[in-house]
């Protein structure tokens, strides 16, 4: 055998490939042997090593076999530079999307974090500092509400967020107007909210409002936003502890219909009342 040729097994081992991979490269026209003997054994020239080396490099950094094959059909520094720039741009876009998804998952984890403790502390008010939040607000169409209407109103807010290619990963709920509660018409001017996944929004979004940072009285409860008894209970507690309500009430949903069981067939939520 001419020393300028090496068998398929050696060529494969040299590049940490299997024989089957080189056979496939031959069949798809990507990398053919110099010749095949009468028994079907494939042999390669030593001069083909740089070609297979480049194929392996390009595959390892994410190029498809079809892309690699096309790169060898018109191979020059300008075309390879353009190909690499295009791949880099695509990878950066994929990385951005993956980082977004990681952020969304972290948001969801925060909602469910220590949920068992929150359930144990149901109907027990306490005070927390909450950061500023931006929310999409869609008012209820009527001053009375039931579950199906609540779903439809929330989906209007969901649609606004989706049009801006964002996911409601930080949660959703309702905003109840303190003035309306004091007037015994608690659902007047109330509506569904979805919290934006980002702290600051740099472009215009329809129905966007800001919930200010500050001290809030927090109480976990089972019940829908139109079930007002937990709200009235919390208001009595606030009055008894000599706090002043300074804004509207957030009713944030933590576990929705997807968590219903034989014990509970209503949402598990977090009431948040701004105080001073």
Protein backbone atom coordinates (compact mmCIF):
# COMPACT_ATOMS: atom_id res chain seq x y z
CA UNK A 1 0.00 0.00 0.00
CA UNK A 2 1.30 3.46 -0.95
CA UNK A 3 2.23 5.36 2.21
CA UNK A 4 0.34 8.35 0.84
CA UNK A 5 -2.91 6.46 1.58
CA UNK A 6 -4.49 5.49 4.90
CA UNK A 7 -7.45 3.17 5.51
CA UNK A 8 -10.82 4.42 6.70
CA UNK A 9 -10.34 3.09 10.24
CA UNK A 10 -7.14 5.09 10.73
CA UNK A 11 -8.59 8.23 9.16
CA UNK A 12 -11.62 7.95 11.42
CA UNK A 13 -9.56 7.35 14.60
CA UNK A 14 -7.29 10.27 13.79
CA UNK A 15 -10.32 12.60 13.88
CA UNK A 16 -12.20 10.87 16.73
CA UNK A 17 -14.87 9.68 14.34
CA UNK A 18 -16.41 6.28 13.71
CA UNK A 19 -16.01 4.34 10.46
CA UNK A 20 -19.78 4.63 10.02
CA UNK A 21 -19.51 8.43 10.09
CA UNK A 22 -16.96 8.47 7.25
CA UNK A 23 -19.06 6.02 5.28
CA UNK A 24 -22.03 8.38 5.69
CA UNK A 25 -19.89 11.38 4.65
CA UNK A 26 -18.99 9.43 1.52
CA UNK A 27 -22.60 8.54 0.69
CA UNK A 28 -23.87 12.10 1.17
CA UNK A 29 -21.05 13.50 -0.94
CA UNK A 30 -19.40 15.53 1.81
CA UNK A 31 -16.07 13.71 2.03
CA UNK A 32 -15.22 10.93 -0.38
CA UNK A 33 -12.26 8.52 -0.19
CA UNK A 34 -9.46 8.72 -2.71
CA UNK A 35 -10.38 5.26 -3.89
CA UNK A 36 -12.26 2.12 -2.90
CA UNK A 37 -10.71 -1.28 -3.62
CA UNK A 38 -12.43 -4.33 -5.06
CA UNK A 39 -13.46 -5.48 -1.57
CA UNK A 40 -15.18 -2.19 -0.81
CA UNK A 41 -12.52 -0.85 1.59
CA UNK A 42 -12.13 2.92 1.52
CA UNK A 43 -8.73 4.65 1.46
CA UNK A 44 -7.78 8.32 1.79
CA UNK A 45 -4.82 10.42 0.78
CA UNK A 46 -2.80 12.09 3.51
CA UNK A 47 -3.50 15.35 1.70
CA UNK A 48 -7.21 14.91 2.60
CA UNK A 49 -6.49 15.24 6.34
CA UNK A 50 -6.82 19.07 6.38
CA UNK A 51 -10.19 18.79 4.63
CA UNK A 52 -11.64 16.35 7.15
CA UNK A 53 -10.07 18.35 9.98
CA UNK A 54 -11.92 21.45 8.79
CA UNK A 55 -15.16 19.50 8.41
CA UNK A 56 -14.86 18.30 12.02
CA UNK A 57 -14.07 21.81 13.25
CA UNK A 58 -17.06 23.33 11.47
CA UNK A 59 -19.38 20.60 12.70
CA UNK A 60 -18.17 21.05 16.29
CA UNK A 61 -18.97 24.77 16.24
CA UNK A 62 -22.49 24.17 15.03
CA UNK A 63 -22.58 24.03 11.24
CA UNK A 64 -24.82 21.46 9.59
CA UNK A 65 -23.39 18.99 7.12
CA UNK A 66 -25.26 20.75 4.32
CA UNK A 67 -23.74 24.10 5.33
CA UNK A 68 -20.28 22.55 5.45
CA UNK A 69 -20.74 20.94 2.06
CA UNK A 70 -21.84 24.25 0.52
CA UNK A 71 -18.85 26.04 2.10
CA UNK A 72 -16.45 23.77 0.20
CA UNK A 73 -18.18 24.35 -3.13
CA UNK A 74 -17.05 27.99 -3.25
CA UNK A 75 -14.38 28.23 -0.60
CA UNK A 76 -12.52 31.49 -0.17
CA UNK A 77 -11.74 33.78 2.77
CA UNK A 78 -14.57 36.18 1.95
CA UNK A 79 -17.25 33.48 1.75
CA UNK A 80 -16.03 31.74 4.94
CA UNK A 81 -15.94 35.05 6.82
CA UNK A 82 -19.51 35.80 5.75
CA UNK A 83 -20.61 32.29 6.74
CA UNK A 84 -19.03 32.62 10.20
CA UNK A 85 -20.59 36.06 10.74
CA UNK A 86 -23.99 34.68 9.80
CA UNK A 87 -23.59 31.75 12.20
CA UNK A 88 -22.47 34.08 15.00
CA UNK A 89 -25.53 36.29 14.51
CA UNK A 90 -27.80 33.25 14.65
CA UNK A 91 -26.08 31.93 17.79
CA UNK A 92 -26.37 35.31 19.51
CA UNK A 93 -30.09 35.32 18.75
CA UNK A 94 -30.43 31.79 20.14
CA UNK A 95 -28.45 32.76 23.26
CA UNK A 96 -30.73 35.78 23.79
CA UNK A 97 -33.80 33.57 23.50
CA UNK A 98 -32.32 31.01 25.91
CA UNK A 99 -31.46 33.73 28.42
CA UNK A 100 -35.03 35.02 28.15
CA UNK A 101 -36.39 31.54 28.82
CA UNK A 102 -34.06 31.14 31.81
CA UNK A 103 -35.36 34.44 33.20
CA UNK A 104 -38.95 33.34 32.66
CA UNK A 105 -38.30 30.06 34.47
CA UNK A 106 -36.68 31.93 37.37
CA UNK A 107 -39.79 34.11 37.61
CA UNK A 108 -42.03 31.04 37.75
CA UNK A 109 -39.83 29.48 40.42
CA UNK A 110 -40.19 32.64 42.53
CA UNK A 111 -43.99 32.30 42.39
CA UNK A 112 -43.91 28.71 43.62
CA UNK A 113 -41.02 29.18 46.06
CA UNK A 114 -42.00 28.32 49.66
CA UNK A 115 -45.59 27.84 48.53
CA UNK A 116 -46.29 25.30 51.27
CA UNK A 117 -45.30 27.90 53.88
CA UNK A 118 -47.55 30.47 52.24
CA UNK A 119 -50.48 28.04 52.37
CA UNK A 120 -49.83 27.42 56.09
CA UNK A 121 -49.90 31.18 56.67
CA UNK A 122 -53.26 31.62 54.96
CA UNK A 123 -55.38 34.50 56.34
CA UNK A 124 -52.45 35.75 58.47
CA UNK A 125 -51.57 39.35 57.48
CA UNK A 126 -48.02 40.63 57.61
CA UNK A 127 -46.08 43.59 56.22
CA UNK A 128 -43.54 43.38 53.39
CA UNK A 129 -41.65 45.82 51.19
CA UNK A 130 -42.49 45.23 47.51
CA UNK A 131 -40.67 46.71 44.51
CA UNK A 132 -42.21 48.84 41.81
CA UNK A 133 -44.01 46.79 39.17
CA UNK A 134 -45.38 47.60 35.74
CA UNK A 135 -48.58 45.83 34.78
CA UNK A 136 -50.98 45.64 31.89
CA UNK A 137 -54.44 46.55 33.17
CA UNK A 138 -57.71 45.61 31.45
CA UNK A 139 -60.87 46.74 33.27
CA UNK A 140 -63.74 44.39 34.00
CA UNK A 141 -66.67 45.07 31.68
CA UNK A 142 -69.16 44.89 34.53
CA UNK A 143 -69.26 45.73 38.23
CA UNK A 144 -70.08 42.10 38.94
CA UNK A 145 -67.94 39.19 37.84
CA UNK A 146 -67.83 35.40 37.54
CA UNK A 147 -65.03 33.00 36.70
CA UNK A 148 -65.52 32.69 32.94
CA UNK A 149 -65.71 36.47 32.51
CA UNK A 150 -62.55 36.73 34.59
CA UNK A 151 -60.75 34.35 32.21
CA UNK A 152 -61.85 36.39 29.17
CA UNK A 153 -60.74 39.70 30.67
CA UNK A 154 -57.34 38.26 31.63
CA UNK A 155 -56.83 36.97 28.10
CA UNK A 156 -57.25 40.49 26.74
CA UNK A 157 -54.28 41.56 28.85
CA UNK A 158 -52.44 38.38 27.83
CA UNK A 159 -52.99 39.26 24.18
CA UNK A 160 -51.47 42.73 24.65
CA UNK A 161 -48.38 41.20 26.23
CA UNK A 162 -48.08 38.53 23.53
CA UNK A 163 -48.10 41.16 20.80
CA UNK A 164 -44.89 42.50 22.34
CA UNK A 165 -43.40 38.98 22.34
CA UNK A 166 -43.34 38.70 26.13
CA UNK A 167 -44.46 35.92 28.43
CA UNK A 168 -46.44 36.64 31.64
CA UNK A 169 -43.87 34.80 33.74
CA UNK A 170 -44.12 37.09 36.77
CA UNK A 171 -47.77 36.33 37.28
CA UNK A 172 -51.22 37.81 36.92
CA UNK A 173 -54.22 38.73 39.00
CA UNK A 174 -56.57 41.63 39.59
CA UNK A 175 -56.41 45.26 40.66
CA UNK A 176 -59.14 46.45 43.01
CA UNK A 177 -59.73 50.16 43.49
CA UNK A 178 -59.56 51.22 47.12
CA UNK A 179 -62.01 54.08 46.54
CA UNK A 180 -64.59 51.68 45.08
CA UNK A 181 -64.18 49.31 48.03
CA UNK A 182 -64.86 52.19 50.40
CA UNK A 183 -68.00 52.96 48.39
CA UNK A 184 -69.23 49.35 48.74
CA UNK A 185 -68.92 48.83 44.99
CA UNK A 186 -65.62 46.86 45.03
CA UNK A 187 -65.48 45.82 41.38
CA UNK A 188 -66.13 49.29 39.99
CA UNK A 189 -63.15 50.29 37.82
CA UNK A 190 -61.38 47.05 38.84
CA UNK A 191 -59.75 44.78 36.29
CA UNK A 192 -57.29 42.06 35.41
CA UNK A 193 -53.54 42.66 35.50
CA UNK A 194 -50.47 40.92 34.13
CA UNK A 195 -47.07 41.85 35.54
CA UNK A 196 -44.45 42.66 32.92
CA UNK A 197 -41.50 40.26 33.02
CA UNK A 198 -39.02 43.15 32.96
CA UNK A 199 -38.55 45.89 35.55
CA UNK A 200 -38.57 48.66 32.98
CA UNK A 201 -40.29 48.87 29.62
CA UNK A 202 -38.55 51.08 27.06
CA UNK A 203 -41.40 51.25 24.56
CA UNK A 204 -45.11 52.03 24.54
CA UNK A 205 -47.46 49.28 25.62
CA UNK A 206 -51.20 49.72 25.66
CA UNK A 207 -52.90 49.82 29.10
CA UNK A 208 -49.60 49.96 31.01
CA UNK A 209 -49.74 51.24 34.59
CA UNK A 210 -47.22 51.30 37.43
CA UNK A 211 -47.77 49.80 40.87
CA UNK A 212 -45.47 51.75 43.20
CA UNK A 213 -42.88 50.29 45.52
CA UNK A 214 -43.41 50.50 49.24
CA UNK A 215 -44.78 48.73 52.28
CA UNK A 216 -47.70 46.41 51.68
CA UNK A 217 -49.86 44.38 54.01
CA UNK A 218 -49.79 40.85 52.59
CA UNK A 219 -52.36 38.11 53.14
CA UNK A 220 -52.65 34.75 51.41
CA UNK A 221 -56.13 33.41 50.79
CA UNK A 222 -58.23 31.02 48.78
CA UNK A 223 -60.77 32.92 46.73
CA UNK A 224 -61.42 34.76 43.50
CA UNK A 225 -60.92 38.52 43.07
CA UNK A 226 -64.69 39.02 43.21
CA UNK A 227 -64.91 37.18 46.56
CA UNK A 228 -64.68 40.22 48.80
CA UNK A 229 -64.81 38.73 52.31
CA UNK A 230 -60.97 38.23 52.50
CA UNK A 231 -60.51 41.85 51.36
CA UNK A 232 -62.86 43.16 54.02
CA UNK A 233 -61.15 40.98 56.63
CA UNK A 234 -57.78 42.43 55.64
CA UNK A 235 -59.15 45.97 55.75
CA UNK A 236 -60.36 45.42 59.30
CA UNK A 237 -56.91 44.14 60.30
CA UNK A 238 -55.26 47.21 58.74
CA UNK A 239 -57.61 49.51 60.61
CA UNK A 240 -57.07 47.66 63.90
CA UNK A 241 -53.28 48.03 63.52
CA UNK A 242 -53.59 51.77 62.72
CA UNK A 243 -52.19 51.63 59.20
CA UNK A 244 -53.43 53.87 56.40
CA UNK A 245 -54.21 52.48 52.97
CA UNK A 246 -52.46 54.61 50.32
CA UNK A 247 -53.40 52.94 47.05
CA UNK A 248 -55.22 50.23 45.20
CA UNK A 249 -55.23 46.55 46.16
CA UNK A 250 -53.44 43.86 44.17
CA UNK A 251 -54.94 40.36 44.18
CA UNK A 252 -52.11 38.24 42.75
CA UNK A 253 -52.93 34.69 41.64
CA UNK A 254 -50.41 32.06 42.77
CA UNK A 255 -52.31 28.86 41.94
CA UNK A 256 -55.09 28.97 39.37
CA UNK A 257 -57.64 26.51 37.96
CA UNK A 258 -54.87 24.12 36.90
CA UNK A 259 -54.25 23.32 40.60
CA UNK A 260 -57.86 22.67 41.62
CA UNK A 261 -58.52 19.45 43.54
CA UNK A 262 -61.19 17.89 45.73
CA UNK A 263 -60.15 20.10 48.65
CA UNK A 264 -59.95 23.44 46.84
CA UNK A 265 -61.77 24.56 43.70
CA UNK A 266 -60.83 28.22 43.86
CA UNK A 267 -57.64 30.18 43.25
CA UNK A 268 -54.89 30.56 45.85
CA UNK A 269 -53.96 34.24 45.84
CA UNK A 270 -51.97 36.93 47.59
CA UNK A 271 -53.69 40.16 48.59
CA UNK A 272 -51.34 43.16 48.65
CA UNK A 273 -52.48 46.45 50.16
CA UNK A 274 -50.17 49.51 50.10
CA UNK A 275 -49.94 51.19 53.50
CA UNK A 276 -48.09 53.81 55.49
